[in-house]
Amino acid sequence: MMGNQMAQMPTNLQTIAGNAMVPFDLIETQMMAAALLVILPSLLLYAFAQRYYVEGIERTGIVE
């Protein structure tokens, strides 16, 4: 259906954990680095948009 290059990152994390033939410490380090790369875009978007999101919520609740 689709190759490994087109798979989503969470799917690739499972592949890294399942196919690795290296000591556990190295697998754990790679998994943590990959997990950080997976969540980093969401964290950056949240940090940037949080102010605007809260402003929008506050404005819709104000009745004068």
N, C-alpha and C. Protein backbone atom coordinates (compact mmCIF):
# COMPACT_ATOMS: atom_id res chain seq x y z
N MET A 1 0.83 -1.18 0.00
CA MET A 1 0.00 0.00 0.00
C MET A 1 0.87 1.25 0.00
N MET A 2 1.66 1.47 1.04
CA MET A 2 2.60 2.58 1.02
C MET A 2 3.91 2.12 1.66
N GLY A 3 5.01 2.70 1.19
CA GLY A 3 6.31 2.31 1.67
C GLY A 3 6.63 2.92 3.03
N ASN A 4 7.76 2.52 3.59
CA ASN A 4 8.18 3.05 4.88
C ASN A 4 8.45 4.54 4.84
N GLN A 5 8.86 5.06 3.69
CA GLN A 5 9.16 6.49 3.60
C GLN A 5 7.91 7.34 3.69
N MET A 6 6.75 6.78 3.34
CA MET A 6 5.51 7.54 3.36
C MET A 6 4.71 7.31 4.64
N ALA A 7 5.18 6.47 5.54
CA ALA A 7 4.46 6.17 6.77
C ALA A 7 4.52 7.37 7.72
N GLN A 8 3.53 7.48 8.57
CA GLN A 8 3.51 8.56 9.54
C GLN A 8 4.50 8.27 10.66
N MET A 9 4.92 9.31 11.36
CA MET A 9 5.96 9.17 12.37
C MET A 9 5.59 8.22 13.51
N PRO A 10 4.37 8.25 14.07
CA PRO A 10 4.06 7.27 15.12
C PRO A 10 4.20 5.83 14.65
N THR A 11 3.87 5.57 13.39
CA THR A 11 4.05 4.23 12.84
C THR A 11 5.53 3.89 12.76
N ASN A 12 6.34 4.85 12.38
CA ASN A 12 7.78 4.63 12.31
C ASN A 12 8.38 4.39 13.69
N LEU A 13 7.83 5.00 14.73
CA LEU A 13 8.31 4.75 16.09
C LEU A 13 8.15 3.27 16.45
N GLN A 14 7.02 2.71 16.08
CA GLN A 14 6.78 1.29 16.32
C GLN A 14 7.79 0.44 15.56
N THR A 15 8.12 0.83 14.34
CA THR A 15 9.08 0.10 13.52
C THR A 15 10.47 0.16 14.14
N ILE A 16 10.85 1.33 14.64
CA ILE A 16 12.16 1.47 15.28
C ILE A 16 12.26 0.53 16.48
N ALA A 17 11.21 0.49 17.28
CA ALA A 17 11.22 -0.35 18.48
C ALA A 17 11.21 -1.83 18.14
N GLY A 18 10.50 -2.21 17.09
CA GLY A 18 10.35 -3.62 16.76
C GLY A 18 11.51 -4.21 16.00
N ASN A 19 12.18 -3.44 15.16
CA ASN A 19 13.21 -3.97 14.28
C ASN A 19 14.63 -3.77 14.79
N ALA A 20 14.80 -3.03 15.84
CA ALA A 20 16.15 -2.70 16.30
C ALA A 20 16.82 -3.93 16.91
N MET A 21 18.04 -4.19 16.48
CA MET A 21 18.84 -5.29 17.02
C MET A 21 20.05 -4.71 17.76
N VAL A 22 19.79 -3.75 18.62
CA VAL A 22 20.84 -3.07 19.37
C VAL A 22 20.49 -3.12 20.86
N PRO A 23 21.44 -2.76 21.72
CA PRO A 23 21.14 -2.76 23.16
C PRO A 23 19.95 -1.85 23.49
N PHE A 24 19.25 -2.19 24.57
CA PHE A 24 18.03 -1.48 24.95
C PHE A 24 18.26 0.00 25.17
N ASP A 25 19.40 0.38 25.76
CA ASP A 25 19.66 1.80 26.03
C ASP A 25 19.64 2.62 24.76
N LEU A 26 20.21 2.09 23.69
CA LEU A 26 20.24 2.81 22.42
C LEU A 26 18.84 2.93 21.84
N ILE A 27 18.04 1.88 21.95
CA ILE A 27 16.66 1.93 21.45
C ILE A 27 15.87 2.98 22.22
N GLU A 28 16.03 3.00 23.53
CA GLU A 28 15.30 3.95 24.36
C GLU A 28 15.68 5.38 24.00
N THR A 29 16.96 5.62 23.77
CA THR A 29 17.42 6.95 23.40
C THR A 29 16.84 7.37 22.06
N GLN A 30 16.84 6.48 21.09
CA GLN A 30 16.28 6.79 19.77
C GLN A 30 14.78 7.03 19.87
N MET A 31 14.10 6.24 20.67
CA MET A 31 12.65 6.40 20.81
C MET A 31 12.31 7.75 21.45
N MET A 32 13.07 8.15 22.45
CA MET A 32 12.80 9.44 23.10
C MET A 32 13.07 10.60 22.14
N ALA A 33 14.14 10.50 21.36
CA ALA A 33 14.43 11.55 20.38
C ALA A 33 13.35 11.61 19.31
N ALA A 34 12.90 10.47 18.85
CA ALA A 34 11.85 10.43 17.83
C ALA A 34 10.52 10.93 18.39
N ALA A 35 10.21 10.59 19.62
CA ALA A 35 8.97 11.06 20.25
C ALA A 35 8.99 12.58 20.40
N LEU A 36 10.14 13.14 20.73
CA LEU A 36 10.27 14.59 20.82
C LEU A 36 10.01 15.23 19.46
N LEU A 37 10.54 14.63 18.40
CA LEU A 37 10.31 15.17 17.06
C LEU A 37 8.84 15.07 16.66
N VAL A 38 8.14 14.06 17.16
CA VAL A 38 6.72 13.91 16.84
C VAL A 38 5.89 14.99 17.53
N ILE A 39 6.17 15.28 18.80
CA ILE A 39 5.33 16.24 19.53
C ILE A 39 5.79 17.68 19.40
N LEU A 40 7.00 17.92 18.92
CA LEU A 40 7.53 19.28 18.83
C LEU A 40 6.67 20.22 17.99
N PRO A 41 6.20 19.85 16.81
CA PRO A 41 5.35 20.79 16.05
C PRO A 41 4.07 21.18 16.81
N SER A 42 3.46 20.24 17.50
CA SER A 42 2.26 20.55 18.27
C SER A 42 2.57 21.50 19.42
N LEU A 43 3.69 21.29 20.09
CA LEU A 43 4.08 22.18 21.19
C LEU A 43 4.37 23.59 20.69
N LEU A 44 5.04 23.70 19.55
CA LEU A 44 5.34 25.02 19.00
C LEU A 44 4.06 25.73 18.57
N LEU A 45 3.15 25.02 17.96
CA LEU A 45 1.88 25.61 17.56
C LEU A 45 1.10 26.07 18.79
N TYR A 46 1.07 25.27 19.83
CA TYR A 46 0.38 25.63 21.06
C TYR A 46 1.00 26.88 21.68
N ALA A 47 2.32 26.93 21.75
CA ALA A 47 3.00 28.09 22.35
C ALA A 47 2.70 29.36 21.56
N PHE A 48 2.63 29.26 20.25
CA PHE A 48 2.38 30.43 19.41
C PHE A 48 0.92 30.86 19.47
N ALA A 49 -0.01 29.92 19.44
CA ALA A 49 -1.42 30.23 19.30
C ALA A 49 -2.17 30.35 20.63
N GLN A 50 -1.54 30.05 21.73
CA GLN A 50 -2.23 30.05 23.02
C GLN A 50 -2.82 31.42 23.34
N ARG A 51 -2.06 32.47 23.13
CA ARG A 51 -2.52 33.82 23.45
C ARG A 51 -3.78 34.16 22.65
N TYR A 52 -3.77 33.86 21.35
CA TYR A 52 -4.91 34.18 20.50
C TYR A 52 -6.13 33.32 20.84
N TYR A 53 -5.89 32.10 21.20
CA TYR A 53 -6.98 31.21 21.58
C TYR A 53 -7.67 31.72 22.85
N VAL A 54 -6.90 32.09 23.84
CA VAL A 54 -7.46 32.59 25.10
C VAL A 54 -8.19 33.90 24.86
N GLU A 55 -7.63 34.79 24.04
CA GLU A 55 -8.30 36.05 23.73
C GLU A 55 -9.66 35.80 23.08
N GLY A 56 -9.71 34.86 22.16
CA GLY A 56 -10.97 34.54 21.49
C GLY A 56 -12.01 34.00 22.45
N ILE A 57 -11.59 33.14 23.36
CA ILE A 57 -12.52 32.59 24.35
C ILE A 57 -13.03 33.70 25.27
N GLU A 58 -12.14 34.60 25.69
CA GLU A 58 -12.55 35.69 26.58
C GLU A 58 -13.50 36.65 25.88
N ARG A 59 -13.25 36.95 24.62
CA ARG A 59 -14.11 37.88 23.89
C ARG A 59 -15.52 37.33 23.68
N THR A 60 -15.64 36.05 23.46
CA THR A 60 -16.97 35.48 23.23
C THR A 60 -17.78 35.41 24.51
N GLY A 61 -17.14 35.45 25.66
CA GLY A 61 -17.85 35.36 26.92
C GLY A 61 -18.24 36.70 27.51
N ILE A 62 -17.75 37.81 26.93
CA ILE A 62 -18.04 39.14 27.48
C ILE A 62 -19.38 39.63 26.95
N VAL A 63 -20.28 39.98 27.88
CA VAL A 63 -21.58 40.54 27.51
C VAL A 63 -21.68 41.90 28.18
N GLU A 64 -21.85 42.93 27.37
CA GLU A 64 -21.93 44.29 27.93
C GLU A 64 -23.31 44.86 27.82
